[in-house]
Amino acid sequence: MSRLLEIGRVVRAHGLRGMVVVELLTNRAERVGEGSRLIGPDGELTILSSSPAAPAGGRQRRLVSFEQISTREQAEGLRGAVLRAEPIEDEAALWVHDLIGAEVYTSTGEAIGRVESVEANPASDLLVLEDGKLIPLTFVTDAARGRLTVEVPPGLFDL
């Protein structure tokens, strides 16, 4: 069984016909395209329509209607629900769920540490290592299953 990834959360109901505001955690538009299937708290939800909503606090939001939700009351029942989906297969992409737990090495083979999380950052997302070191994702030169190679400028980790 594959892992389901969190792609968004229902913020609130919108209107009277079951539409909801979804705050996205993904930058992949196909996740919220017409016909896409997401997993909600009570099972599968099929997207009928999706359009941009006004962002709030810098977060991407969409107005979404689902095939299975047709009333405001049903939409209110989704408030706060986490929406999940299967991972997308794309060999050229670096996925957060693949980066977490990876060992990080310099191009000369020096071990730097293990990725604990990935922090969103406007200039470049940051790899957060277990010891608190931050490495911009743009410094990754190679990614293999469970191992990242980075090219870091001299002095990056000097205190």
Protein backbone atom coordinates (compact mmCIF):
# COMPACT_ATOMS: atom_id res chain seq x y z
CA MET A 1 0.00 0.00 0.00
CA SER A 2 1.45 3.37 -0.99
CA ARG A 3 1.69 6.33 1.35
CA LEU A 4 -0.95 9.02 1.09
CA LEU A 5 0.40 12.55 1.17
CA GLU A 6 -1.29 15.53 2.78
CA ILE A 7 -2.04 18.02 -0.02
CA GLY A 8 -4.40 20.44 1.75
CA ARG A 9 -6.96 21.21 4.43
CA VAL A 10 -10.55 22.38 4.21
CA VAL A 11 -10.69 25.84 5.76
CA ARG A 12 -14.44 26.48 5.62
CA ALA A 13 -17.63 26.15 3.59
CA HIS A 14 -18.25 28.67 0.82
CA GLY A 15 -21.75 29.44 -0.41
CA LEU A 16 -24.84 27.27 -0.22
CA ARG A 17 -24.10 24.48 -2.71
CA GLY A 18 -21.34 22.54 -0.97
CA MET A 19 -18.27 24.43 -2.15
CA VAL A 20 -15.32 24.66 0.25
CA VAL A 21 -12.17 26.74 0.61
CA VAL A 22 -9.09 24.50 0.55
CA GLU A 23 -5.70 25.69 1.76
CA LEU A 24 -3.12 23.91 -0.37
CA LEU A 25 0.09 22.37 0.85
CA THR A 26 1.09 21.41 -2.70
CA ASN A 27 2.25 23.41 -5.69
CA ARG A 28 1.05 20.83 -8.20
CA ALA A 29 -2.04 22.13 -10.02
CA GLU A 30 -3.11 18.64 -11.11
CA ARG A 31 -3.86 17.81 -7.47
CA VAL A 32 -6.95 20.03 -7.59
CA GLY A 33 -7.92 19.70 -11.24
CA GLU A 34 -11.36 18.60 -12.40
CA GLY A 35 -11.77 14.85 -11.92
CA SER A 36 -8.92 14.56 -9.39
CA ARG A 37 -9.57 12.23 -6.51
CA LEU A 38 -8.61 13.10 -2.96
CA ILE A 39 -9.04 11.14 0.24
CA GLY A 40 -10.98 12.91 2.98
CA PRO A 41 -11.89 11.76 6.48
CA ASP A 42 -14.81 9.68 5.20
CA GLY A 43 -13.32 8.36 1.98
CA GLU A 44 -12.76 9.43 -1.60
CA LEU A 45 -13.77 12.87 -2.89
CA THR A 46 -13.87 13.67 -6.62
CA ILE A 47 -13.29 17.28 -7.66
CA LEU A 48 -16.02 18.74 -9.88
CA SER A 49 -14.52 22.22 -10.11
CA SER A 50 -11.67 24.22 -8.66
CA SER A 51 -10.70 27.88 -8.99
CA PRO A 52 -8.25 30.21 -7.27
CA ALA A 53 -9.41 31.89 -4.07
CA ALA A 54 -7.91 34.93 -2.42
CA PRO A 55 -4.71 33.91 -0.63
CA ALA A 56 -4.57 34.38 3.12
CA GLY A 57 -1.36 34.89 5.00
CA GLY A 58 0.64 34.01 1.90
CA ARG A 59 -1.00 30.60 1.63
CA GLN A 60 -2.41 29.27 -1.64
CA ARG A 61 -6.18 28.68 -1.51
CA ARG A 62 -8.73 27.21 -3.92
CA LEU A 63 -12.53 27.17 -4.08
CA VAL A 64 -13.39 23.51 -4.62
CA SER A 65 -16.59 21.61 -5.22
CA PHE A 66 -16.73 17.83 -4.80
CA GLU A 67 -19.07 15.37 -6.48
CA GLN A 68 -19.99 13.90 -3.09
CA ILE A 69 -20.78 17.24 -1.36
CA SER A 70 -23.81 19.24 -2.48
CA THR A 71 -25.05 21.20 0.54
CA ARG A 72 -23.60 23.79 2.87
CA GLU A 73 -24.23 21.46 5.80
CA GLN A 74 -22.12 18.72 4.18
CA ALA A 75 -19.41 21.27 3.39
CA GLU A 76 -19.43 22.50 7.01
CA GLY A 77 -18.85 18.88 8.05
CA LEU A 78 -15.54 18.98 6.16
CA ARG A 79 -14.21 22.04 8.04
CA GLY A 80 -10.66 21.26 9.18
CA ALA A 81 -10.49 18.00 7.22
CA VAL A 82 -7.12 16.92 5.90
CA LEU A 83 -7.14 16.03 2.22
CA ARG A 84 -4.68 13.40 1.01
CA ALA A 85 -3.63 11.90 -2.31
CA GLU A 86 -1.33 9.26 -3.74
CA PRO A 87 2.23 10.39 -4.51
CA ILE A 88 2.83 11.64 -8.05
CA GLU A 89 5.48 9.76 -10.01
CA ASP A 90 7.95 12.28 -11.46
CA GLU A 91 11.59 11.23 -11.63
CA ALA A 92 12.78 14.83 -12.14
CA ALA A 93 11.13 16.16 -8.97
CA LEU A 94 12.43 16.19 -5.42
CA TRP A 95 9.57 15.29 -3.08
CA VAL A 96 9.46 16.28 0.59
CA HIS A 97 8.40 12.76 1.62
CA ASP A 98 11.52 11.38 -0.10
CA LEU A 99 13.85 14.02 1.38
CA ILE A 100 12.92 13.50 5.02
CA GLY A 101 15.23 10.94 6.58
CA ALA A 102 17.80 11.16 3.77
CA GLU A 103 21.48 11.30 4.66
CA VAL A 104 23.25 14.42 3.36
CA TYR A 105 26.83 14.36 2.05
CA THR A 106 29.11 16.92 0.42
CA SER A 107 30.43 16.29 -3.09
CA THR A 108 33.69 15.11 -1.45
CA GLY A 109 31.82 12.45 0.55
CA GLU A 110 31.77 14.18 3.95
CA ALA A 111 28.67 13.26 5.97
CA ILE A 112 26.73 16.36 7.05
CA GLY A 113 23.65 14.86 8.70
CA ARG A 114 20.11 13.54 8.26
CA VAL A 115 17.16 15.60 6.97
CA GLU A 116 14.57 16.10 9.71
CA SER A 117 12.17 18.34 7.78
CA VAL A 118 11.85 20.71 4.85
CA GLU A 119 11.01 24.34 5.58
CA ALA A 120 9.23 26.46 2.98
CA ASN A 121 11.21 29.58 2.14
CA PRO A 122 10.55 32.13 -0.63
CA ALA A 123 14.08 32.03 -2.10
CA SER A 124 14.56 28.26 -1.82
CA ASP A 125 13.05 25.63 0.43
CA LEU A 126 15.45 24.63 3.19
CA LEU A 127 16.57 21.18 4.29
CA VAL A 128 16.48 21.17 8.09
CA LEU A 129 18.98 18.70 9.48
CA GLU A 130 18.67 16.97 12.86
CA ASP A 131 21.33 19.24 14.37
CA GLY A 132 19.54 22.39 13.16
CA LYS A 133 21.71 23.11 10.13
CA LEU A 134 19.84 24.64 7.20
CA ILE A 135 20.76 23.88 3.60
CA PRO A 136 18.97 25.54 0.67
CA LEU A 137 17.43 22.92 -1.60
CA THR A 138 19.15 24.62 -4.55
CA PHE A 139 22.46 23.25 -3.19
CA VAL A 140 21.36 19.64 -3.87
CA THR A 141 23.33 18.29 -6.85
CA ASP A 142 22.28 14.65 -6.69
CA ALA A 143 19.46 12.75 -5.07
CA ALA A 144 19.35 8.99 -4.84
CA ARG A 145 17.05 6.95 -2.62
CA GLY A 146 17.92 7.97 0.94
CA ARG A 147 21.04 9.98 0.02
CA LEU A 148 21.51 13.60 -1.02
CA THR A 149 24.69 15.18 -2.31
CA VAL A 150 25.06 18.92 -1.82
CA GLU A 151 27.52 21.54 -3.02
CA VAL A 152 27.81 24.02 -0.17
CA PRO A 153 29.88 27.22 -0.17
CA PRO A 154 32.87 27.33 2.17
CA GLY A 155 31.96 28.56 5.65
CA LEU A 156 28.24 27.74 5.44
CA PHE A 157 28.37 25.78 8.70
CA ASP A 158 30.98 27.91 10.50
CA LEU A 159 29.69 29.63 13.63
